[in-house]
């Protein structure tokens, strides 16, 4: 039976959004204070922890990689929101405003995923979760380099394109993890 990637993606993003909204109720938009570089580093910390757990096969903290991939999706969407709003925007946005932005970026990510998934013929389904982790880390290193270059690129996509890819690779990992359980 062929799996419907769009539906699986929606399920994964829905789980991410549920956590995002719950944290918004707990903390409000405290993340609005973060600079784009800080968000990149926060995503890096999560991806690096996943890789560390994959390599060590031992955990000192009893938490698997599932919440880390959710965090990657959510922080990447937050980063896209921050890029849109820039430094001068209001720090106190309402929950409905933020939820609408979250949904917009999730839908843009989904549309990109479906287009690439078509062209690549769902190659991600034959990948390992560890490879998805490595690609996320590579994308983050690219973002860090672009940020260090003050956003200048010569032939490469910008920061936003890398964040979209990070969202999609993390969603693929969430799909794979849910299929295993």
Protein backbone atom coordinates (compact mmCIF):
# COMPACT_ATOMS: atom_id res chain seq x y z
CA UNK A 1 0.00 0.00 0.00
CA UNK A 2 1.41 3.38 -1.05
CA UNK A 3 1.70 5.86 1.78
CA UNK A 4 0.32 9.37 1.38
CA UNK A 5 3.23 11.62 2.22
CA UNK A 6 1.02 14.72 2.32
CA UNK A 7 -1.21 13.22 5.01
CA UNK A 8 1.80 11.94 6.97
CA UNK A 9 3.43 15.37 6.72
CA UNK A 10 0.24 17.02 7.97
CA UNK A 11 0.13 14.64 10.95
CA UNK A 12 3.77 15.37 11.83
CA UNK A 13 3.31 19.14 11.52
CA UNK A 14 0.11 18.94 13.57
CA UNK A 15 2.06 17.30 16.41
CA UNK A 16 4.66 20.08 16.15
CA UNK A 17 2.03 22.80 16.13
CA UNK A 18 0.29 21.34 19.20
CA UNK A 19 3.56 21.61 21.15
CA UNK A 20 4.22 25.08 19.74
CA UNK A 21 0.79 26.37 20.80
CA UNK A 22 1.06 24.79 24.25
CA UNK A 23 4.42 26.49 24.77
CA UNK A 24 2.97 29.77 23.51
CA UNK A 25 0.35 29.50 26.28
CA UNK A 26 3.09 28.82 28.83
CA UNK A 27 5.70 31.37 27.69
CA UNK A 28 4.00 33.71 25.25
CA UNK A 29 6.12 34.97 22.37
CA UNK A 30 9.33 35.15 24.44
CA UNK A 31 11.19 33.77 21.41
CA UNK A 32 10.58 37.10 19.63
CA UNK A 33 13.64 38.46 21.45
CA UNK A 34 15.94 35.96 19.70
CA UNK A 35 18.08 37.07 16.79
CA UNK A 36 18.13 34.81 13.72
CA UNK A 37 21.64 33.64 14.61
CA UNK A 38 20.43 32.54 18.05
CA UNK A 39 17.62 30.53 16.48
CA UNK A 40 20.10 28.86 14.13
CA UNK A 41 22.23 27.92 17.13
CA UNK A 42 19.19 26.61 19.03
CA UNK A 43 18.29 24.35 16.09
CA UNK A 44 21.93 23.27 15.89
CA UNK A 45 21.88 22.25 19.57
CA UNK A 46 18.83 20.05 18.97
CA UNK A 47 20.25 18.46 15.80
CA UNK A 48 23.61 17.90 17.47
CA UNK A 49 21.90 16.18 20.44
CA UNK A 50 20.08 13.87 18.03
CA UNK A 51 23.35 12.97 16.33
CA UNK A 52 25.04 12.46 19.68
CA UNK A 53 22.28 10.08 20.79
CA UNK A 54 22.41 8.24 17.47
CA UNK A 55 26.18 7.77 17.82
CA UNK A 56 26.32 6.93 21.54
CA UNK A 57 23.29 4.64 21.72
CA UNK A 58 23.12 5.62 25.39
CA UNK A 59 21.06 8.29 27.12
CA UNK A 60 21.69 10.00 30.45
CA UNK A 61 18.37 11.84 30.10
CA UNK A 62 15.42 9.58 29.43
CA UNK A 63 14.08 11.38 26.38
CA UNK A 64 14.20 10.12 22.82
CA UNK A 65 14.80 12.10 19.63
CA UNK A 66 11.10 12.67 18.84
CA UNK A 67 10.81 15.94 20.84
CA UNK A 68 14.11 17.14 19.39
CA UNK A 69 12.83 16.79 15.82
CA UNK A 70 9.64 18.61 16.89
CA UNK A 71 11.82 21.36 18.32
CA UNK A 72 13.75 21.59 15.04
CA UNK A 73 10.52 22.04 13.07
CA UNK A 74 9.19 24.64 15.49
CA UNK A 75 12.39 26.64 15.77
CA UNK A 76 12.82 26.64 11.98
CA UNK A 77 9.29 28.03 11.60
CA UNK A 78 10.03 30.57 14.32
CA UNK A 79 13.20 31.54 12.41
CA UNK A 80 11.16 32.11 9.24
CA UNK A 81 8.72 34.25 11.23
CA UNK A 82 11.59 36.26 12.69
CA UNK A 83 13.07 36.83 9.23
CA UNK A 84 9.68 38.15 8.11
CA UNK A 85 9.12 40.41 11.11
CA UNK A 86 12.70 41.75 11.46
CA UNK A 87 14.11 43.45 14.56
CA UNK A 88 11.72 46.38 14.61
CA UNK A 89 8.47 44.44 14.85
CA UNK A 90 6.31 44.29 17.95
CA UNK A 91 7.55 41.71 20.44
CA UNK A 92 4.04 41.08 21.81
CA UNK A 93 2.09 39.50 18.97
CA UNK A 94 -1.20 37.79 19.73
CA UNK A 95 -1.62 34.04 19.63
CA UNK A 96 -3.96 34.23 16.58
CA UNK A 97 -1.40 36.36 14.68
CA UNK A 98 1.43 33.97 15.47
CA UNK A 99 -0.68 30.90 14.72
CA UNK A 100 -1.58 32.34 11.31
CA UNK A 101 2.12 32.91 10.54
CA UNK A 102 2.97 29.41 11.76
CA UNK A 103 0.30 27.93 9.47
CA UNK A 104 1.51 30.01 6.52
CA UNK A 105 5.09 28.77 6.83
CA UNK A 106 3.98 25.20 7.48
CA UNK A 107 1.88 25.30 4.29
CA UNK A 108 4.73 26.81 2.26
CA UNK A 109 6.99 24.08 3.60
CA UNK A 110 4.41 21.44 2.67
CA UNK A 111 4.05 22.78 -0.88
CA UNK A 112 7.83 22.75 -1.35
CA UNK A 113 8.04 19.24 0.10
CA UNK A 114 5.38 17.92 -2.26
CA UNK A 115 7.11 19.46 -5.29
CA UNK A 116 10.54 18.14 -4.31
CA UNK A 117 9.08 14.80 -3.23
CA UNK A 118 7.58 14.42 -6.70
CA UNK A 119 10.85 15.25 -8.45
CA UNK A 120 12.98 13.09 -6.15
CA UNK A 121 10.46 10.22 -6.22
CA UNK A 122 10.25 9.97 -2.41
CA UNK A 123 13.96 9.10 -2.11
CA UNK A 124 13.82 10.08 1.58
CA UNK A 125 11.88 6.89 2.32
CA UNK A 126 15.05 4.90 1.56
CA UNK A 127 17.24 7.05 3.74
CA UNK A 128 18.28 6.50 7.33
CA UNK A 129 17.16 8.86 10.08
CA UNK A 130 20.84 9.42 10.84
CA UNK A 131 21.32 10.70 7.28
CA UNK A 132 18.39 13.09 7.72
CA UNK A 133 20.08 14.34 10.88
CA UNK A 134 23.36 14.87 9.04
CA UNK A 135 21.63 16.79 6.26
CA UNK A 136 19.91 19.02 8.83
CA UNK A 137 23.30 19.70 10.43
CA UNK A 138 24.81 20.48 7.02
CA UNK A 139 21.95 22.90 6.25
CA UNK A 140 22.54 24.59 9.61
CA UNK A 141 26.25 25.01 8.87
CA UNK A 142 25.27 26.59 5.55
CA UNK A 143 22.91 28.96 7.34
CA UNK A 144 25.62 29.88 9.84
CA UNK A 145 28.01 30.66 6.98
CA UNK A 146 25.40 32.81 5.21
CA UNK A 147 24.68 34.61 8.49
CA UNK A 148 28.42 35.17 9.01
CA UNK A 149 28.54 36.59 5.47
CA UNK A 150 25.75 39.05 6.41
CA UNK A 151 23.26 37.25 4.15
CA UNK A 152 25.40 37.48 1.02
CA UNK A 153 25.51 34.49 -1.30
CA UNK A 154 26.99 34.19 -4.79
CA UNK A 155 25.12 31.25 -6.29
CA UNK A 156 23.39 29.60 -3.34
CA UNK A 157 19.88 29.77 -1.95
CA UNK A 158 19.33 32.02 1.01
CA UNK A 159 18.74 31.33 4.66
CA UNK A 160 14.98 30.89 4.23
CA UNK A 161 15.37 28.08 1.67
CA UNK A 162 17.59 26.19 4.09
CA UNK A 163 15.07 26.61 6.90
CA UNK A 164 12.34 25.17 4.67
CA UNK A 165 14.55 22.18 3.89
CA UNK A 166 15.29 21.73 7.61
CA UNK A 167 11.56 21.68 8.37
CA UNK A 168 10.97 19.08 5.69
CA UNK A 169 13.85 16.79 6.67
CA UNK A 170 12.78 16.95 10.33
CA UNK A 171 9.19 16.14 9.29
CA UNK A 172 10.48 13.16 7.30
CA UNK A 173 12.30 11.95 10.42
CA UNK A 174 9.10 12.31 12.46
CA UNK A 175 7.22 10.31 9.83
CA UNK A 176 9.85 7.57 9.90
CA UNK A 177 9.85 7.47 13.69
CA UNK A 178 6.06 7.20 13.78
CA UNK A 179 6.17 4.33 11.27
CA UNK A 180 8.62 2.46 13.52
CA UNK A 181 6.43 2.76 16.61
